[in-house]
N, C-alpha and C. Protein backbone atom coordinates (compact mmCIF):
# COMPACT_ATOMS: atom_id res chain seq x y z
N MET A 1 48.64 44.45 22.01
CA MET A 1 47.68 45.53 21.86
C MET A 1 46.65 45.52 22.99
N ARG A 2 46.26 44.36 23.46
CA ARG A 2 45.24 44.29 24.49
C ARG A 2 45.73 45.00 25.76
N LEU A 3 46.99 44.77 26.16
CA LEU A 3 47.53 45.44 27.33
C LEU A 3 47.54 46.95 27.12
N ARG A 4 47.90 47.39 25.92
CA ARG A 4 47.92 48.83 25.61
C ARG A 4 46.52 49.42 25.75
N THR A 5 45.53 48.70 25.28
CA THR A 5 44.15 49.18 25.37
C THR A 5 43.72 49.26 26.84
N LEU A 6 44.07 48.26 27.65
CA LEU A 6 43.73 48.28 29.06
C LEU A 6 44.40 49.45 29.78
N VAL A 7 45.67 49.67 29.50
CA VAL A 7 46.39 50.77 30.12
C VAL A 7 45.78 52.10 29.72
N ALA A 8 45.48 52.25 28.43
CA ALA A 8 44.86 53.49 27.96
C ALA A 8 43.52 53.71 28.63
N ALA A 9 42.70 52.65 28.76
CA ALA A 9 41.39 52.78 29.41
C ALA A 9 41.56 53.20 30.86
N ALA A 10 42.53 52.63 31.54
CA ALA A 10 42.79 53.00 32.93
C ALA A 10 43.22 54.46 33.03
N LEU A 11 44.05 54.91 32.12
CA LEU A 11 44.50 56.30 32.13
C LEU A 11 43.35 57.26 31.91
N VAL A 12 42.46 56.92 30.97
CA VAL A 12 41.31 57.79 30.71
C VAL A 12 40.41 57.84 31.94
N ALA A 13 40.21 56.69 32.58
CA ALA A 13 39.35 56.63 33.75
C ALA A 13 39.94 57.40 34.93
N LEU A 14 41.24 57.36 35.08
CA LEU A 14 41.90 58.01 36.21
C LEU A 14 42.34 59.44 35.92
N ALA A 15 42.33 59.85 34.68
CA ALA A 15 42.86 61.17 34.30
C ALA A 15 42.29 62.32 35.13
N PRO A 16 40.98 62.36 35.38
CA PRO A 16 40.46 63.50 36.16
C PRO A 16 41.05 63.59 37.56
N THR A 17 41.48 62.48 38.14
CA THR A 17 42.04 62.52 39.49
C THR A 17 43.54 62.71 39.49
N LEU A 18 44.19 62.47 38.36
CA LEU A 18 45.64 62.56 38.29
C LEU A 18 46.15 63.89 37.80
N THR A 19 45.38 64.55 36.96
CA THR A 19 45.85 65.76 36.31
C THR A 19 44.66 66.66 36.00
N PRO A 20 44.85 67.97 35.96
CA PRO A 20 43.71 68.84 35.65
C PRO A 20 43.29 68.76 34.19
N THR A 21 44.10 68.17 33.31
CA THR A 21 43.78 68.05 31.89
C THR A 21 43.23 66.65 31.62
N VAL A 22 41.97 66.57 31.24
CA VAL A 22 41.35 65.29 30.93
C VAL A 22 41.76 64.89 29.52
N LEU A 23 42.18 63.65 29.35
CA LEU A 23 42.55 63.17 28.03
C LEU A 23 41.32 63.07 27.15
N THR A 24 41.47 63.39 25.89
CA THR A 24 40.38 63.24 24.93
C THR A 24 40.73 62.10 23.99
N ALA A 25 39.78 61.70 23.18
CA ALA A 25 40.01 60.61 22.24
C ALA A 25 41.19 60.92 21.33
N GLN A 26 41.35 62.17 20.91
CA GLN A 26 42.44 62.49 20.00
C GLN A 26 43.80 62.42 20.66
N ASP A 27 43.85 62.41 21.99
CA ASP A 27 45.11 62.22 22.68
C ASP A 27 45.59 60.78 22.55
N LEU A 28 44.68 59.86 22.34
CA LEU A 28 45.04 58.45 22.32
C LEU A 28 44.54 57.66 21.12
N GLY A 29 43.41 58.00 20.56
CA GLY A 29 42.78 57.18 19.53
C GLY A 29 43.27 57.46 18.12
N ILE A 30 42.62 56.81 17.18
CA ILE A 30 42.93 56.99 15.76
C ILE A 30 42.74 58.46 15.38
N ALA A 31 43.57 58.96 14.51
CA ALA A 31 43.52 60.38 14.14
C ALA A 31 42.40 60.66 13.14
N VAL A 32 41.74 61.81 13.33
CA VAL A 32 40.77 62.27 12.35
C VAL A 32 41.53 62.48 11.04
N GLY A 33 40.91 62.04 9.94
CA GLY A 33 41.52 62.14 8.62
C GLY A 33 42.14 60.84 8.14
N GLU A 34 42.40 59.91 9.06
CA GLU A 34 42.96 58.62 8.67
C GLU A 34 41.90 57.75 8.00
N LYS A 35 42.36 56.83 7.16
CA LYS A 35 41.47 55.83 6.57
C LYS A 35 41.10 54.86 7.69
N ALA A 36 39.82 54.59 7.82
CA ALA A 36 39.33 53.69 8.87
C ALA A 36 39.74 52.26 8.54
N PRO A 37 40.39 51.57 9.48
CA PRO A 37 40.82 50.20 9.22
C PRO A 37 39.69 49.19 9.39
N GLY A 38 39.87 48.05 8.78
CA GLY A 38 38.97 46.93 8.98
C GLY A 38 39.54 46.03 10.06
N GLY A 39 39.07 44.81 10.08
CA GLY A 39 39.56 43.83 11.04
C GLY A 39 38.47 42.83 11.37
N PRO A 40 38.86 41.66 11.86
CA PRO A 40 37.89 40.60 12.14
C PRO A 40 37.07 40.84 13.40
N LEU A 41 35.77 40.68 13.25
CA LEU A 41 34.83 40.77 14.36
C LEU A 41 33.90 39.58 14.27
N GLU A 42 33.18 39.33 15.33
CA GLU A 42 32.28 38.18 15.38
C GLU A 42 30.84 38.64 15.56
N THR A 43 29.94 38.16 14.71
CA THR A 43 28.52 38.48 14.84
C THR A 43 27.94 37.74 16.03
N MET A 44 26.76 38.10 16.45
CA MET A 44 26.11 37.42 17.57
C MET A 44 25.70 35.99 17.21
N SER A 45 25.75 35.65 15.92
CA SER A 45 25.50 34.25 15.53
C SER A 45 26.80 33.47 15.39
N GLY A 46 27.93 34.11 15.73
CA GLY A 46 29.21 33.40 15.73
C GLY A 46 29.98 33.42 14.43
N GLN A 47 29.48 34.17 13.44
CA GLN A 47 30.17 34.26 12.15
C GLN A 47 31.24 35.36 12.21
N THR A 48 32.33 35.16 11.48
CA THR A 48 33.37 36.18 11.39
C THR A 48 33.04 37.12 10.25
N VAL A 49 33.19 38.42 10.51
CA VAL A 49 32.95 39.45 9.51
C VAL A 49 34.10 40.45 9.62
N ASP A 50 34.51 41.00 8.49
CA ASP A 50 35.56 42.02 8.49
C ASP A 50 34.90 43.39 8.51
N LEU A 51 35.28 44.22 9.46
CA LEU A 51 34.72 45.57 9.55
C LEU A 51 34.89 46.33 8.24
N ALA A 52 35.92 46.03 7.48
CA ALA A 52 36.18 46.73 6.20
C ALA A 52 35.00 46.59 5.25
N THR A 53 34.24 45.50 5.33
CA THR A 53 33.10 45.30 4.44
C THR A 53 31.95 46.26 4.75
N MET A 54 32.01 46.92 5.90
CA MET A 54 30.95 47.84 6.31
C MET A 54 31.32 49.30 6.07
N LEU A 55 32.54 49.53 5.63
CA LEU A 55 33.05 50.90 5.46
C LEU A 55 33.08 51.29 3.99
N GLY A 56 33.00 52.60 3.73
CA GLY A 56 33.15 53.11 2.38
C GLY A 56 31.90 53.11 1.52
N LYS A 57 30.74 52.88 2.13
CA LYS A 57 29.48 52.90 1.37
C LYS A 57 28.57 54.01 1.86
N THR A 58 28.42 54.08 3.17
CA THR A 58 27.62 55.11 3.84
C THR A 58 28.43 55.59 5.04
N PRO A 59 28.01 56.69 5.66
CA PRO A 59 28.66 57.03 6.93
C PRO A 59 28.45 55.89 7.94
N VAL A 60 29.44 55.70 8.81
CA VAL A 60 29.37 54.64 9.82
C VAL A 60 29.72 55.24 11.18
N VAL A 61 28.89 54.94 12.16
CA VAL A 61 29.15 55.30 13.55
C VAL A 61 29.58 54.03 14.26
N ILE A 62 30.80 54.04 14.79
CA ILE A 62 31.35 52.88 15.50
C ILE A 62 31.51 53.26 16.96
N GLU A 63 30.96 52.45 17.85
CA GLU A 63 31.17 52.66 19.29
C GLU A 63 31.89 51.44 19.85
N PHE A 64 32.98 51.68 20.58
CA PHE A 64 33.66 50.63 21.32
C PHE A 64 32.99 50.59 22.68
N TRP A 65 32.44 49.44 23.05
CA TRP A 65 31.39 49.34 24.05
C TRP A 65 31.59 48.12 24.93
N ALA A 66 30.99 48.17 26.12
CA ALA A 66 30.97 47.02 27.02
C ALA A 66 29.67 47.02 27.82
N THR A 67 29.23 45.85 28.20
CA THR A 67 28.01 45.71 28.99
C THR A 67 28.14 46.41 30.34
N TRP A 68 29.35 46.48 30.87
CA TRP A 68 29.61 47.05 32.19
C TRP A 68 29.94 48.54 32.16
N CYS A 69 29.94 49.17 31.00
CA CYS A 69 30.41 50.55 30.83
C CYS A 69 29.32 51.56 31.16
N GLY A 70 29.53 52.35 32.21
CA GLY A 70 28.57 53.38 32.61
C GLY A 70 28.43 54.48 31.57
N ASN A 71 29.54 54.91 30.97
CA ASN A 71 29.47 55.94 29.93
C ASN A 71 28.70 55.44 28.71
N CYS A 72 28.85 54.15 28.40
CA CYS A 72 28.12 53.57 27.26
C CYS A 72 26.62 53.61 27.54
N LYS A 73 26.24 53.30 28.77
CA LYS A 73 24.83 53.34 29.16
C LYS A 73 24.29 54.77 29.06
N GLN A 74 25.11 55.75 29.47
CA GLN A 74 24.71 57.15 29.39
C GLN A 74 24.55 57.59 27.93
N LEU A 75 25.39 57.09 27.05
CA LEU A 75 25.37 57.46 25.63
C LEU A 75 24.27 56.74 24.85
N GLU A 76 23.76 55.66 25.39
CA GLU A 76 22.79 54.82 24.68
C GLU A 76 21.56 55.56 24.17
N PRO A 77 20.91 56.44 24.93
CA PRO A 77 19.73 57.13 24.39
C PRO A 77 20.05 57.97 23.15
N ALA A 78 21.19 58.64 23.13
CA ALA A 78 21.58 59.45 21.96
C ALA A 78 21.84 58.56 20.75
N LEU A 79 22.46 57.42 20.99
CA LEU A 79 22.71 56.49 19.88
C LEU A 79 21.40 55.89 19.36
N ARG A 80 20.51 55.51 20.26
CA ARG A 80 19.21 54.96 19.83
C ARG A 80 18.43 56.00 19.02
N ALA A 81 18.45 57.25 19.46
CA ALA A 81 17.74 58.32 18.74
C ALA A 81 18.36 58.51 17.36
N ALA A 82 19.68 58.49 17.28
CA ALA A 82 20.36 58.64 15.98
C ALA A 82 20.06 57.46 15.07
N MET A 83 19.98 56.26 15.63
CA MET A 83 19.64 55.08 14.83
C MET A 83 18.23 55.22 14.25
N THR A 84 17.31 55.72 15.06
CA THR A 84 15.94 55.92 14.59
C THR A 84 15.90 56.97 13.48
N LYS A 85 16.61 58.06 13.67
CA LYS A 85 16.60 59.16 12.72
C LYS A 85 17.36 58.84 11.43
N HIS A 86 18.50 58.17 11.53
CA HIS A 86 19.40 57.98 10.39
C HIS A 86 19.54 56.52 9.97
N GLY A 87 18.72 55.63 10.51
CA GLY A 87 18.88 54.20 10.31
C GLY A 87 19.12 53.72 8.90
N SER A 88 18.49 54.34 7.91
CA SER A 88 18.65 53.86 6.54
C SER A 88 19.83 54.51 5.81
N SER A 89 20.36 55.62 6.35
CA SER A 89 21.44 56.32 5.64
C SER A 89 22.78 56.28 6.36
N VAL A 90 22.79 55.84 7.60
CA VAL A 90 24.01 55.73 8.39
C VAL A 90 24.05 54.33 9.01
N ARG A 91 25.18 53.70 8.95
CA ARG A 91 25.33 52.37 9.55
C ARG A 91 25.87 52.55 10.98
N PHE A 92 25.32 51.80 11.91
CA PHE A 92 25.74 51.84 13.30
C PHE A 92 26.36 50.50 13.67
N VAL A 93 27.60 50.55 14.13
CA VAL A 93 28.33 49.34 14.50
C VAL A 93 28.79 49.50 15.94
N THR A 94 28.39 48.57 16.77
CA THR A 94 28.84 48.54 18.15
C THR A 94 29.86 47.42 18.27
N VAL A 95 31.07 47.78 18.66
CA VAL A 95 32.15 46.80 18.82
C VAL A 95 32.26 46.48 20.30
N ALA A 96 31.81 45.30 20.68
CA ALA A 96 31.90 44.85 22.06
C ALA A 96 33.32 44.39 22.34
N VAL A 97 34.00 45.11 23.25
CA VAL A 97 35.36 44.72 23.60
C VAL A 97 35.33 43.44 24.41
N SER A 98 36.42 42.71 24.41
CA SER A 98 36.46 41.43 25.12
C SER A 98 37.00 41.55 26.54
N ILE A 99 37.19 42.77 27.01
CA ILE A 99 37.72 43.00 28.35
C ILE A 99 36.59 42.84 29.37
N ASN A 100 36.75 41.89 30.27
CA ASN A 100 35.79 41.62 31.35
C ASN A 100 34.38 41.31 30.87
N GLN A 101 34.26 40.78 29.67
CA GLN A 101 32.96 40.30 29.22
C GLN A 101 33.17 39.22 28.16
N SER A 102 32.39 38.19 28.27
CA SER A 102 32.47 37.07 27.33
C SER A 102 31.50 37.29 26.17
N PHE A 103 31.71 36.53 25.12
CA PHE A 103 30.78 36.55 23.99
C PHE A 103 29.37 36.23 24.48
N GLU A 104 29.25 35.26 25.37
CA GLU A 104 27.94 34.84 25.89
C GLU A 104 27.26 35.97 26.66
N ARG A 105 28.04 36.72 27.43
CA ARG A 105 27.48 37.84 28.20
C ARG A 105 26.96 38.92 27.25
N VAL A 106 27.71 39.22 26.19
CA VAL A 106 27.28 40.22 25.21
C VAL A 106 26.01 39.76 24.51
N LYS A 107 25.99 38.50 24.12
CA LYS A 107 24.82 37.94 23.42
C LYS A 107 23.58 37.99 24.32
N ALA A 108 23.73 37.68 25.59
CA ALA A 108 22.60 37.73 26.53
C ALA A 108 22.13 39.17 26.72
N TRP A 109 23.08 40.11 26.80
CA TRP A 109 22.71 41.52 26.94
C TRP A 109 21.90 41.96 25.72
N GLN A 110 22.35 41.59 24.53
CA GLN A 110 21.65 41.97 23.30
C GLN A 110 20.24 41.38 23.27
N ALA A 111 20.09 40.15 23.70
CA ALA A 111 18.77 39.52 23.71
C ALA A 111 17.81 40.28 24.64
N ALA A 112 18.32 40.79 25.75
CA ALA A 112 17.49 41.49 26.72
C ALA A 112 17.25 42.96 26.35
N ASN A 113 18.18 43.57 25.62
CA ASN A 113 18.12 45.02 25.39
C ASN A 113 17.89 45.45 23.95
N LYS A 114 18.10 44.58 23.01
CA LYS A 114 17.80 44.83 21.59
C LYS A 114 18.38 46.14 21.06
N LEU A 115 19.70 46.31 21.18
CA LEU A 115 20.35 47.47 20.61
C LEU A 115 20.34 47.34 19.09
N GLY A 116 19.96 48.40 18.40
CA GLY A 116 19.90 48.38 16.94
C GLY A 116 21.28 48.39 16.31
N GLY A 117 21.32 48.32 15.02
CA GLY A 117 22.60 48.31 14.30
C GLY A 117 23.26 46.95 14.39
N ASP A 118 24.56 46.95 14.14
CA ASP A 118 25.34 45.72 14.18
C ASP A 118 26.10 45.65 15.50
N LEU A 119 25.84 44.64 16.31
CA LEU A 119 26.60 44.40 17.53
C LEU A 119 27.58 43.28 17.23
N LEU A 120 28.87 43.59 17.32
CA LEU A 120 29.93 42.66 16.94
C LEU A 120 30.93 42.53 18.07
N TYR A 121 31.46 41.34 18.25
CA TYR A 121 32.38 41.04 19.36
C TYR A 121 33.82 41.03 18.85
N ASP A 122 34.68 41.76 19.55
CA ASP A 122 36.10 41.85 19.21
C ASP A 122 36.89 40.89 20.10
N ARG A 123 36.79 39.60 19.81
CA ARG A 123 37.33 38.55 20.66
C ARG A 123 38.82 38.73 20.97
N LYS A 124 39.62 39.09 19.99
CA LYS A 124 41.07 39.19 20.18
C LYS A 124 41.55 40.63 20.34
N GLY A 125 40.65 41.59 20.31
CA GLY A 125 41.03 42.99 20.47
C GLY A 125 41.70 43.58 19.24
N THR A 126 41.58 42.91 18.11
CA THR A 126 42.25 43.36 16.88
C THR A 126 41.72 44.71 16.41
N VAL A 127 40.42 44.86 16.35
CA VAL A 127 39.83 46.10 15.87
C VAL A 127 40.02 47.22 16.90
N SER A 128 39.85 46.91 18.17
CA SER A 128 40.10 47.90 19.22
C SER A 128 41.53 48.42 19.12
N GLY A 129 42.47 47.53 18.86
CA GLY A 129 43.87 47.92 18.70
C GLY A 129 44.10 48.73 17.44
N ALA A 130 43.45 48.36 16.35
CA ALA A 130 43.62 49.09 15.08
C ALA A 130 43.13 50.53 15.20
N TYR A 131 42.11 50.75 16.02
CA TYR A 131 41.57 52.09 16.23
C TYR A 131 42.22 52.78 17.43
N ASP A 132 43.12 52.07 18.10
CA ASP A 132 43.79 52.59 19.30
C ASP A 132 42.75 53.12 20.28
N ALA A 133 41.67 52.32 20.46
CA ALA A 133 40.55 52.73 21.31
C ALA A 133 41.04 52.98 22.73
N PRO A 134 40.91 54.21 23.23
CA PRO A 134 41.42 54.54 24.55
C PRO A 134 40.53 54.08 25.70
N ALA A 135 39.28 53.77 25.41
CA ALA A 135 38.32 53.40 26.45
C ALA A 135 37.05 52.90 25.79
N THR A 136 36.16 52.34 26.61
CA THR A 136 34.82 52.08 26.11
C THR A 136 34.11 53.42 26.04
N SER A 137 33.02 53.47 25.34
CA SER A 137 32.27 54.68 24.98
C SER A 137 33.05 55.53 23.98
N TYR A 138 34.07 54.94 23.37
CA TYR A 138 34.85 55.61 22.34
C TYR A 138 34.08 55.50 21.04
N VAL A 139 33.74 56.64 20.44
CA VAL A 139 32.96 56.69 19.21
C VAL A 139 33.84 57.20 18.09
N VAL A 140 33.77 56.52 16.96
CA VAL A 140 34.47 56.92 15.75
C VAL A 140 33.41 57.03 14.66
N VAL A 141 33.38 58.17 13.96
CA VAL A 141 32.48 58.34 12.83
C VAL A 141 33.33 58.38 11.57
N VAL A 142 32.91 57.57 10.61
CA VAL A 142 33.62 57.41 9.35
C VAL A 142 32.70 57.90 8.23
N ASP A 143 33.23 58.71 7.31
CA ASP A 143 32.40 59.18 6.20
C ASP A 143 32.28 58.10 5.13
N LYS A 144 31.47 58.37 4.10
CA LYS A 144 31.23 57.34 3.09
C LYS A 144 32.45 57.06 2.23
N ALA A 145 33.48 57.89 2.33
CA ALA A 145 34.74 57.62 1.62
C ALA A 145 35.68 56.75 2.47
N GLY A 146 35.28 56.45 3.70
CA GLY A 146 36.10 55.60 4.56
C GLY A 146 37.10 56.34 5.42
N LYS A 147 36.95 57.66 5.55
CA LYS A 147 37.86 58.48 6.36
C LYS A 147 37.23 58.80 7.71
N VAL A 148 38.05 58.78 8.76
CA VAL A 148 37.60 59.13 10.09
C VAL A 148 37.36 60.65 10.14
N VAL A 149 36.14 61.04 10.53
CA VAL A 149 35.79 62.47 10.60
C VAL A 149 35.51 62.93 12.02
N TYR A 150 35.39 61.99 12.95
CA TYR A 150 35.10 62.35 14.35
C TYR A 150 35.58 61.22 15.25
N THR A 151 36.11 61.59 16.40
CA THR A 151 36.31 60.64 17.50
C THR A 151 35.95 61.34 18.79
N GLY A 152 35.45 60.59 19.72
CA GLY A 152 35.11 61.14 21.03
C GLY A 152 34.97 60.03 22.04
N VAL A 153 35.02 60.39 23.29
CA VAL A 153 34.89 59.41 24.36
C VAL A 153 34.04 60.01 25.47
N GLY A 154 33.22 59.18 26.09
CA GLY A 154 32.39 59.63 27.20
C GLY A 154 30.92 59.51 26.90
N GLY A 155 30.13 59.68 27.93
CA GLY A 155 28.69 59.48 27.82
C GLY A 155 27.89 60.68 27.33
N ASP A 156 28.53 61.83 27.16
CA ASP A 156 27.78 63.03 26.78
C ASP A 156 28.15 63.56 25.40
N GLN A 157 28.56 62.68 24.50
CA GLN A 157 28.93 63.10 23.14
C GLN A 157 27.71 63.53 22.34
N ASP A 158 27.90 64.48 21.45
CA ASP A 158 26.84 64.96 20.58
C ASP A 158 26.89 64.12 19.29
N ILE A 159 26.15 63.03 19.28
CA ILE A 159 26.18 62.08 18.16
C ILE A 159 25.63 62.73 16.90
N GLU A 160 24.62 63.58 17.02
CA GLU A 160 24.06 64.26 15.85
C GLU A 160 25.12 65.14 15.17
N ALA A 161 25.84 65.91 15.96
CA ALA A 161 26.90 66.77 15.39
C ALA A 161 27.99 65.92 14.76
N ALA A 162 28.31 64.80 15.38
CA ALA A 162 29.33 63.91 14.83
C ALA A 162 28.89 63.36 13.47
N ILE A 163 27.64 62.97 13.36
CA ILE A 163 27.12 62.44 12.09
C ILE A 163 27.13 63.53 11.03
N ARG A 164 26.83 64.76 11.39
CA ARG A 164 26.86 65.86 10.42
C ARG A 164 28.25 66.00 9.79
N LYS A 165 29.29 65.69 10.52
CA LYS A 165 30.65 65.78 9.99
C LYS A 165 30.90 64.75 8.89
N ALA A 166 30.09 63.70 8.87
CA ALA A 166 30.25 62.64 7.87
C ALA A 166 29.43 62.89 6.61
N ARG A 167 28.62 63.91 6.59
CA ARG A 167 27.73 64.18 5.45
C ARG A 167 28.43 65.00 4.41
């Protein structure tokens, strides 16, 4: 799965130069309407947690993210604003992919930048594979019933509109 995720990320990054049709999350990622899968992730304190324990209670915004991702940096203000506005009614989960970043690098970034919500490390790429994440900055919104209601990729996503789909 890790190789598949890397290839998909490369295709998304190169798509604008290879073809006039830019790939979207729905071309590669988990389908809207599917039940959101769980999977093992690691907290910044090193504990293992299953993503499934965070689903099915409130809407959840999941971002597949990396410290080196320019689109993630571009999307950060919209996510921070949404966290401030919806913090008590929507759960925010950032899944740090293990591609080109170590657990220690993610932990150091979090200490310096204090991103809200849950920042979790996908050491083996299990969750990234379960969601068929095509790239970093891939956002999945799950409603309180545990169904995927939105997917998108890139730094200019309308997070507010995506959250409205989960209400």
